[in-house]
Amino acid sequence: MQTLYKIQHLIEYENEGAMDEILTEIVTPISEFKKNPNLSVKQAGGKPFAVLTNNRPSFYVLTPEVYDDLLEKAWELKMMPE
């Protein structure tokens, strides 16, 4: 069975003193994601998650609803008077 990891339990990774910020609470290694992407999405329960390659974020997975909310918030910010 595929596993998604909570960020608190992810082993610390550091690359020559520089760290990448992970912007989600849930992560999964790309090897697990490639086995069954639909299962990864289902296990995340609608929450966005990062897919890691060599313990660094490669990309983020969002449901259509989360993506739509993100676009709506961006539009609202654009429409706000300065």
PDB file of N, CA and C in Angstrom:
ATOM      1  N   MET A   1       0.835  -1.177   0.000  1.00  0.00           N
ATOM      2  CA  MET A   1       0.000   0.000   0.000  1.00  0.00           C
ATOM      3  C   MET A   1       0.885   1.246   0.000  1.00  0.00           C
ATOM      4  N   GLN A   2       0.459   2.229  -0.732  1.00  0.00           N
ATOM      5  CA  GLN A   2       1.190   3.478  -0.864  1.00  0.00           C
ATOM      6  C   GLN A   2       1.034   4.306   0.407  1.00  0.00           C
ATOM      7  N   THR A   3       2.026   5.103   0.702  1.00  0.00           N
ATOM      8  CA  THR A   3       1.998   5.881   1.925  1.00  0.00           C
ATOM      9  C   THR A   3       2.227   7.356   1.640  1.00  0.00           C
ATOM     10  N   LEU A   4       1.399   8.191   2.253  1.00  0.00           N
ATOM     11  CA  LEU A   4       1.640   9.623   2.279  1.00  0.00           C
ATOM     12  C   LEU A   4       2.184   9.947   3.659  1.00  0.00           C
ATOM     13  N   TYR A   5       3.108  10.868   3.719  1.00  0.00           N
ATOM     14  CA  TYR A   5       3.766  11.192   4.974  1.00  0.00           C
ATOM     15  C   TYR A   5       3.382  12.579   5.437  1.00  0.00           C
ATOM     16  N   LYS A   6       3.140  12.703   6.724  1.00  0.00           N
ATOM     17  CA  LYS A   6       2.980  14.026   7.311  1.00  0.00           C
ATOM     18  C   LYS A   6       4.356  14.660   7.381  1.00  0.00           C
ATOM     19  N   ILE A   7       4.421  15.926   7.127  1.00  0.00           N
ATOM     20  CA  ILE A   7       5.698  16.616   7.032  1.00  0.00           C
ATOM     21  C   ILE A   7       6.499  16.524   8.333  1.00  0.00           C
ATOM     22  N   GLN A   8       5.838  16.463   9.476  1.00  0.00           N
ATOM     23  CA  GLN A   8       6.545  16.399  10.737  1.00  0.00           C
ATOM     24  C   GLN A   8       7.363  15.117  10.850  1.00  0.00           C
ATOM     25  N   HIS A   9       6.950  14.057  10.166  1.00  0.00           N
ATOM     26  CA  HIS A   9       7.623  12.775  10.274  1.00  0.00           C
ATOM     27  C   HIS A   9       8.629  12.540   9.150  1.00  0.00           C
ATOM     28  N   LEU A  10       8.706  13.462   8.236  1.00  0.00           N
ATOM     29  CA  LEU A  10       9.650  13.342   7.134  1.00  0.00           C
ATOM     30  C   LEU A  10      11.064  13.522   7.673  1.00  0.00           C
ATOM     31  N   ILE A  11      11.973  12.674   7.211  1.00  0.00           N
ATOM     32  CA  ILE A  11      13.356  12.844   7.667  1.00  0.00           C
ATOM     33  C   ILE A  11      13.866  14.210   7.210  1.00  0.00           C
ATOM     34  N   GLU A  12      14.679  14.793   8.027  1.00  0.00           N
ATOM     35  CA  GLU A  12      15.227  16.100   7.681  1.00  0.00           C
ATOM     36  C   GLU A  12      16.132  15.959   6.470  1.00  0.00           C
ATOM     37  N   TYR A  13      16.030  16.918   5.599  1.00  0.00           N
ATOM     38  CA  TYR A  13      16.914  16.903   4.444  1.00  0.00           C
ATOM     39  C   TYR A  13      17.576  18.262   4.335  1.00  0.00           C
ATOM     40  N   GLU A  14      18.810  18.223   4.044  1.00  0.00           N
ATOM     41  CA  GLU A  14      19.572  19.439   3.896  1.00  0.00           C
ATOM     42  C   GLU A  14      20.579  19.209   2.778  1.00  0.00           C
ATOM     43  N   ASN A  15      20.739  20.179   1.923  1.00  0.00           N
ATOM     44  CA  ASN A  15      21.643  20.033   0.793  1.00  0.00           C
ATOM     45  C   ASN A  15      22.645  21.182   0.840  1.00  0.00           C
ATOM     46  N   GLU A  16      23.798  20.886   1.366  1.00  0.00           N
ATOM     47  CA  GLU A  16      24.867  21.875   1.463  1.00  0.00           C
ATOM     48  C   GLU A  16      24.394  23.148   2.147  1.00  0.00           C
ATOM     49  N   GLY A  17      23.649  22.976   3.242  1.00  0.00           N
ATOM     50  CA  GLY A  17      23.205  24.125   4.013  1.00  0.00           C
ATOM     51  C   GLY A  17      21.939  24.784   3.511  1.00  0.00           C
ATOM     52  N   ALA A  18      21.480  24.464   2.315  1.00  0.00           N
ATOM     53  CA  ALA A  18      20.267  25.077   1.778  1.00  0.00           C
ATOM     54  C   ALA A  18      19.108  24.087   1.873  1.00  0.00           C
ATOM     55  N   MET A  19      17.976  24.576   2.302  1.00  0.00           N
ATOM     56  CA  MET A  19      16.798  23.719   2.394  1.00  0.00           C
ATOM     57  C   MET A  19      15.703  24.265   1.496  1.00  0.00           C
ATOM     58  N   ASP A  20      14.925  23.374   0.914  1.00  0.00           N
ATOM     59  CA  ASP A  20      13.751  23.772   0.148  1.00  0.00           C
ATOM     60  C   ASP A  20      12.559  23.815   1.091  1.00  0.00           C
ATOM     61  N   GLU A  21      11.751  24.830   0.954  1.00  0.00           N
ATOM     62  CA  GLU A  21      10.549  24.922   1.777  1.00  0.00           C
ATOM     63  C   GLU A  21       9.460  24.051   1.160  1.00  0.00           C
ATOM     64  N   ILE A  22       8.844  23.236   1.984  1.00  0.00           N
ATOM     65  CA  ILE A  22       7.719  22.426   1.537  1.00  0.00           C
ATOM     66  C   ILE A  22       6.459  23.147   1.987  1.00  0.00           C
ATOM     67  N   LEU A  23       5.575  23.442   1.052  1.00  0.00           N
ATOM     68  CA  LEU A  23       4.426  24.292   1.314  1.00  0.00           C
ATOM     69  C   LEU A  23       3.149  23.521   1.634  1.00  0.00           C
ATOM     70  N   THR A  24       3.267  22.235   1.933  1.00  0.00           N
ATOM     71  CA  THR A  24       2.103  21.436   2.300  1.00  0.00           C
ATOM     72  C   THR A  24       2.418  20.627   3.550  1.00  0.00           C
ATOM     73  N   GLU A  25       1.364  20.121   4.180  1.00  0.00           N
ATOM     74  CA  GLU A  25       1.548  19.273   5.357  1.00  0.00           C
ATOM     75  C   GLU A  25       1.810  17.822   4.977  1.00  0.00           C
ATOM     76  N   ILE A  26       1.462  17.448   3.756  1.00  0.00           N
ATOM     77  CA  ILE A  26       1.553  16.058   3.317  1.00  0.00           C
ATOM     78  C   ILE A  26       2.537  15.964   2.153  1.00  0.00           C
ATOM     79  N   VAL A  27       3.365  14.925   2.175  1.00  0.00           N
ATOM     80  CA  VAL A  27       4.309  14.681   1.087  1.00  0.00           C
ATOM     81  C   VAL A  27       4.306  13.195   0.742  1.00  0.00           C
ATOM     82  N   THR A  28       4.784  12.876  -0.458  1.00  0.00           N
ATOM     83  CA  THR A  28       4.985  11.492  -0.865  1.00  0.00           C
ATOM     84  C   THR A  28       6.187  11.433  -1.802  1.00  0.00           C
ATOM     85  N   PRO A  29       6.958  10.381  -1.748  1.00  0.00           N
ATOM     86  CA  PRO A  29       8.078  10.245  -2.693  1.00  0.00           C
ATOM     87  C   PRO A  29       7.552   9.988  -4.110  1.00  0.00           C
ATOM     88  N   ILE A  30       8.285  10.445  -5.094  1.00  0.00           N
ATOM     89  CA  ILE A  30       7.840  10.276  -6.478  1.00  0.00           C
ATOM     90  C   ILE A  30       7.725   8.802  -6.852  1.00  0.00           C
ATOM     91  N   SER A  31       8.566   7.959  -6.277  1.00  0.00           N
ATOM     92  CA  SER A  31       8.481   6.526  -6.591  1.00  0.00           C
ATOM     93  C   SER A  31       7.131   5.955  -6.172  1.00  0.00           C
ATOM     94  N   GLU A  32       6.615   6.392  -5.026  1.00  0.00           N
ATOM     95  CA  GLU A  32       5.295   5.938  -4.578  1.00  0.00           C
ATOM     96  C   GLU A  32       4.190   6.564  -5.421  1.00  0.00           C
ATOM     97  N   PHE A  33       4.340   7.839  -5.749  1.00  0.00           N
ATOM     98  CA  PHE A  33       3.333   8.538  -6.544  1.00  0.00           C
ATOM     99  C   PHE A  33       3.184   7.892  -7.919  1.00  0.00           C
ATOM    100  N   LYS A  34       4.311   7.521  -8.541  1.00  0.00           N
ATOM    101  CA  LYS A  34       4.279   6.931  -9.875  1.00  0.00           C
ATOM    102  C   LYS A  34       3.589   5.568  -9.897  1.00  0.00           C
ATOM    103  N   LYS A  35       3.629   4.846  -8.783  1.00  0.00           N
ATOM    104  CA  LYS A  35       2.980   3.535  -8.730  1.00  0.00           C
ATOM    105  C   LYS A  35       1.472   3.645  -8.916  1.00  0.00           C
ATOM    106  N   ASN A  36       0.872   4.665  -8.290  1.00  0.00           N
ATOM    107  CA  ASN A  36      -0.577   4.819  -8.376  1.00  0.00           C
ATOM    108  C   ASN A  36      -0.954   6.249  -7.985  1.00  0.00           C
ATOM    109  N   PRO A  37      -0.910   7.179  -8.945  1.00  0.00           N
ATOM    110  CA  PRO A  37      -1.220   8.576  -8.633  1.00  0.00           C
ATOM    111  C   PRO A  37      -2.626   8.768  -8.067  1.00  0.00           C
ATOM    112  N   ASN A  38      -3.602   8.024  -8.596  1.00  0.00           N
ATOM    113  CA  ASN A  38      -4.976   8.174  -8.103  1.00  0.00           C
ATOM    114  C   ASN A  38      -5.099   7.795  -6.641  1.00  0.00           C
ATOM    115  N   LEU A  39      -4.361   6.784  -6.220  1.00  0.00           N
ATOM    116  CA  LEU A  39      -4.380   6.378  -4.825  1.00  0.00           C
ATOM    117  C   LEU A  39      -3.775   7.468  -3.946  1.00  0.00           C
ATOM    118  N   SER A  40      -2.708   8.093  -4.402  1.00  0.00           N
ATOM    119  CA  SER A  40      -2.093   9.190  -3.646  1.00  0.00           C
ATOM    120  C   SER A  40      -3.089  10.323  -3.431  1.00  0.00           C
ATOM    121  N   VAL A  41      -3.802  10.675  -4.487  1.00  0.00           N
ATOM    122  CA  VAL A  41      -4.797  11.752  -4.393  1.00  0.00           C
ATOM    123  C   VAL A  41      -5.901  11.354  -3.419  1.00  0.00           C
ATOM    124  N   LYS A  42      -6.355  10.118  -3.519  1.00  0.00           N
ATOM    125  CA  LYS A  42      -7.422   9.640  -2.636  1.00  0.00           C
ATOM    126  C   LYS A  42      -6.963   9.657  -1.183  1.00  0.00           C
ATOM    127  N   GLN A  43      -5.751   9.178  -0.919  1.00  0.00           N
ATOM    128  CA  GLN A  43      -5.237   9.127   0.451  1.00  0.00           C
ATOM    129  C   GLN A  43      -5.043  10.518   1.043  1.00  0.00           C
ATOM    130  N   ALA A  44      -4.796  11.503   0.214  1.00  0.00           N
ATOM    131  CA  ALA A  44      -4.608  12.866   0.703  1.00  0.00           C
ATOM    132  C   ALA A  44      -5.928  13.483   1.160  1.00  0.00           C
ATOM    133  N   GLY A  45      -7.031  12.875   0.805  1.00  0.00           N
ATOM    134  CA  GLY A  45      -8.327  13.350   1.282  1.00  0.00           C
ATOM    135  C   GLY A  45      -8.686  14.753   0.839  1.00  0.00           C
ATOM    136  N   GLY A  46      -8.301  15.114  -0.375  1.00  0.00           N
ATOM    137  CA  GLY A  46      -8.643  16.431  -0.891  1.00  0.00           C
ATOM    138  C   GLY A  46      -7.650  17.524  -0.534  1.00  0.00           C
ATOM    139  N   LYS A  47      -6.660  17.186   0.274  1.00  0.00           N
ATOM    140  CA  LYS A  47      -5.653  18.185   0.648  1.00  0.00           C
ATOM    141  C   LYS A  47      -4.521  18.186  -0.373  1.00  0.00           C
ATOM    142  N   PRO A  48      -3.916  19.346  -0.615  1.00  0.00           N
ATOM    143  CA  PRO A  48      -2.762  19.396  -1.513  1.00  0.00           C
ATOM    144  C   PRO A  48      -1.569  18.673  -0.888  1.00  0.00           C
ATOM    145  N   PHE A  49      -0.698  18.127  -1.745  1.00  0.00           N
ATOM    146  CA  PHE A  49       0.503  17.479  -1.229  1.00  0.00           C
ATOM    147  C   PHE A  49       1.655  17.663  -2.191  1.00  0.00           C
ATOM    148  N   ALA A  50       2.868  17.565  -1.633  1.00  0.00           N
ATOM    149  CA  ALA A  50       4.092  17.699  -2.421  1.00  0.00           C
ATOM    150  C   ALA A  50       4.586  16.320  -2.824  1.00  0.00           C
ATOM    151  N   VAL A  51       5.103  16.214  -4.035  1.00  0.00           N
ATOM    152  CA  VAL A  51       5.754  14.995  -4.503  1.00  0.00           C
ATOM    153  C   VAL A  51       7.249  15.283  -4.504  1.00  0.00           C
ATOM    154  N   LEU A  52       8.002  14.419  -3.804  1.00  0.00           N
ATOM    155  CA  LEU A  52       9.430  14.652  -3.613  1.00  0.00           C
ATOM    156  C   LEU A  52      10.288  13.771  -4.509  1.00  0.00           C
ATOM    157  N   THR A  53      11.339  14.355  -5.040  1.00  0.00           N
ATOM    158  CA  THR A  53      12.385  13.638  -5.751  1.00  0.00           C
ATOM    159  C   THR A  53      13.677  13.923  -5.005  1.00  0.00           C
ATOM    160  N   ASN A  54      14.346  12.858  -4.564  1.00  0.00           N
ATOM    161  CA  ASN A  54      15.563  13.014  -3.755  1.00  0.00           C
ATOM    162  C   ASN A  54      15.318  13.921  -2.550  1.00  0.00           C
ATOM    163  N   ASN A  55      14.176  13.715  -1.912  1.00  0.00           N
ATOM    164  CA  ASN A  55      13.766  14.463  -0.716  1.00  0.00           C
ATOM    165  C   ASN A  55      13.612  15.956  -0.937  1.00  0.00           C
ATOM    166  N   ARG A  56      13.394  16.361  -2.173  1.00  0.00           N
ATOM    167  CA  ARG A  56      13.155  17.768  -2.489  1.00  0.00           C
ATOM    168  C   ARG A  56      11.845  17.859  -3.265  1.00  0.00           C
ATOM    169  N   PRO A  57      11.032  18.902  -3.020  1.00  0.00           N
ATOM    170  CA  PRO A  57       9.755  19.013  -3.732  1.00  0.00           C
ATOM    171  C   PRO A  57       9.964  19.180  -5.237  1.00  0.00           C
ATOM    172  N   SER A  58       9.294  18.299  -5.999  1.00  0.00           N
ATOM    173  CA  SER A  58       9.332  18.382  -7.459  1.00  0.00           C
ATOM    174  C   SER A  58       8.111  19.111  -7.993  1.00  0.00           C
ATOM    175  N   PHE A  59       6.951  18.782  -7.412  1.00  0.00           N
ATOM    176  CA  PHE A  59       5.712  19.440  -7.808  1.00  0.00           C
ATOM    177  C   PHE A  59       4.660  19.215  -6.734  1.00  0.00           C
ATOM    178  N   TYR A  60       3.579  19.971  -6.866  1.00  0.00           N
ATOM    179  CA  TYR A  60       2.464  19.882  -5.929  1.00  0.00           C
ATOM    180  C   TYR A  60       1.243  19.348  -6.657  1.00  0.00           C
ATOM    181  N   VAL A  61       0.451  18.571  -5.941  1.00  0.00           N
ATOM    182  CA  VAL A  61      -0.779  18.011  -6.492  1.00  0.00           C
ATOM    183  C   VAL A  61      -1.942  18.672  -5.773  1.00  0.00           C
ATOM    184  N   LEU A  62      -2.864  19.227  -6.563  1.00  0.00           N
ATOM    185  CA  LEU A  62      -4.050  19.893  -6.033  1.00  0.00           C
ATOM    186  C   LEU A  62      -5.287  19.297  -6.676  1.00  0.00           C
ATOM    187  N   THR A  63      -6.361  19.198  -5.913  1.00  0.00           N
ATOM    188  CA  THR A  63      -7.633  18.791  -6.506  1.00  0.00           C
ATOM    189  C   THR A  63      -8.157  19.960  -7.341  1.00  0.00           C
ATOM    190  N   PRO A  64      -9.071  19.704  -8.267  1.00  0.00           N
ATOM    191  CA  PRO A  64      -9.652  20.813  -9.039  1.00  0.00           C
ATOM    192  C   PRO A  64     -10.315  21.863  -8.143  1.00  0.00           C
ATOM    193  N   GLU A  65     -10.919  21.427  -7.044  1.00  0.00           N
ATOM    194  CA  GLU A  65     -11.577  22.368  -6.133  1.00  0.00           C
ATOM    195  C   GLU A  65     -10.561  23.290  -5.453  1.00  0.00           C
ATOM    196  N   VAL A  66      -9.453  22.730  -5.005  1.00  0.00           N
ATOM    197  CA  VAL A  66      -8.415  23.547  -4.365  1.00  0.00           C
ATOM    198  C   VAL A  66      -7.816  24.509  -5.382  1.00  0.00           C
ATOM    199  N   TYR A  67      -7.578  24.032  -6.594  1.00  0.00           N
ATOM    200  CA  TYR A  67      -7.025  24.890  -7.639  1.00  0.00           C
ATOM    201  C   TYR A  67      -7.993  26.038  -7.965  1.00  0.00           C
ATOM    202  N   ASP A  68      -9.280  25.727  -8.054  1.00  0.00           N
ATOM    203  CA  ASP A  68     -10.290  26.746  -8.327  1.00  0.00           C
ATOM    204  C   ASP A  68     -10.313  27.793  -7.218  1.00  0.00           C
ATOM    205  N   ASP A  69     -10.243  27.343  -5.963  1.00  0.00           N
ATOM    206  CA  ASP A  69     -10.198  28.282  -4.831  1.00  0.00           C
ATOM    207  C   ASP A  69      -8.968  29.171  -4.905  1.00  0.00           C
ATOM    208  N   LEU A  70      -7.849  28.591  -5.269  1.00  0.00           N
ATOM    209  CA  LEU A  70      -6.603  29.345  -5.393  1.00  0.00           C
ATOM    210  C   LEU A  70      -6.719  30.424  -6.477  1.00  0.00           C
ATOM    211  N   LEU A  71      -7.283  30.059  -7.617  1.00  0.00           N
ATOM    212  CA  LEU A  71      -7.480  31.041  -8.690  1.00  0.00           C
ATOM    213  C   LEU A  71      -8.444  32.146  -8.274  1.00  0.00           C
ATOM    214  N   GLU A  72      -9.486  31.772  -7.554  1.00  0.00           N
ATOM    215  CA  GLU A  72     -10.449  32.772  -7.100  1.00  0.00           C
ATOM    216  C   GLU A  72      -9.798  33.762  -6.133  1.00  0.00           C
ATOM    217  N   LYS A  73      -8.982  33.264  -5.220  1.00  0.00           N
ATOM    218  CA  LYS A  73      -8.288  34.149  -4.283  1.00  0.00           C
ATOM    219  C   LYS A  73      -7.312  35.069  -5.018  1.00  0.00           C
ATOM    220  N   ALA A  74      -6.626  34.539  -6.016  1.00  0.00           N
ATOM    221  CA  ALA A  74      -5.710  35.363  -6.807  1.00  0.00           C
ATOM    222  C   ALA A  74      -6.478  36.454  -7.548  1.00  0.00           C
ATOM    223  N   TRP A  75      -7.643  36.110  -8.093  1.00  0.00           N
ATOM    224  CA  TRP A  75      -8.473  37.095  -8.795  1.00  0.00           C
ATOM    225  C   TRP A  75      -8.938  38.175  -7.830  1.00  0.00           C
ATOM    226  N   GLU A  76      -9.367  37.767  -6.625  1.00  0.00           N
ATOM    227  CA  GLU A  76      -9.817  38.734  -5.635  1.00  0.00           C
ATOM    228  C   GLU A  76      -8.701  39.699  -5.262  1.00  0.00           C
ATOM    229  N   LEU A  77      -7.486  39.180  -5.095  1.00  0.00           N
ATOM    230  CA  LEU A  77      -6.356  40.050  -4.777  1.00  0.00           C
ATOM    231  C   LEU A  77      -6.067  41.020  -5.909  1.00  0.00           C
ATOM    232  N   LYS A  78      -6.204  40.542  -7.134  1.00  0.00           N
ATOM    233  CA  LYS A  78      -5.956  41.395  -8.299  1.00  0.00           C
ATOM    234  C   LYS A  78      -6.986  42.515  -8.377  1.00  0.00           C
ATOM    235  N   MET A  79      -8.217  42.242  -7.960  1.00  0.00           N
ATOM    236  CA  MET A  79      -9.297  43.213  -8.063  1.00  0.00           C
ATOM    237  C   MET A  79      -9.327  44.217  -6.909  1.00  0.00           C
ATOM    238  N   MET A  80      -8.560  43.950  -5.861  1.00  0.00           N
ATOM    239  CA  MET A  80      -8.542  44.855  -4.705  1.00  0.00           C
ATOM    240  C   MET A  80      -7.880  46.169  -5.087  1.00  0.00           C
ATOM    241  N   PRO A  81      -8.495  47.274  -4.658  1.00  0.00           N
ATOM    242  CA  PRO A  81      -7.836  48.559  -4.931  1.00  0.00           C
ATOM    243  C   PRO A  81      -6.559  48.686  -4.102  1.00  0.00           C
ATOM    244  N   GLU A  82      -5.600  49.347  -4.669  1.00  0.00           N
ATOM    245  CA  GLU A  82      -4.315  49.503  -3.972  1.00  0.00           C
ATOM    246  C   GLU A  82      -4.328  50.646  -3.028  1.00  0.00           C
TER     247      GLU A  82
END
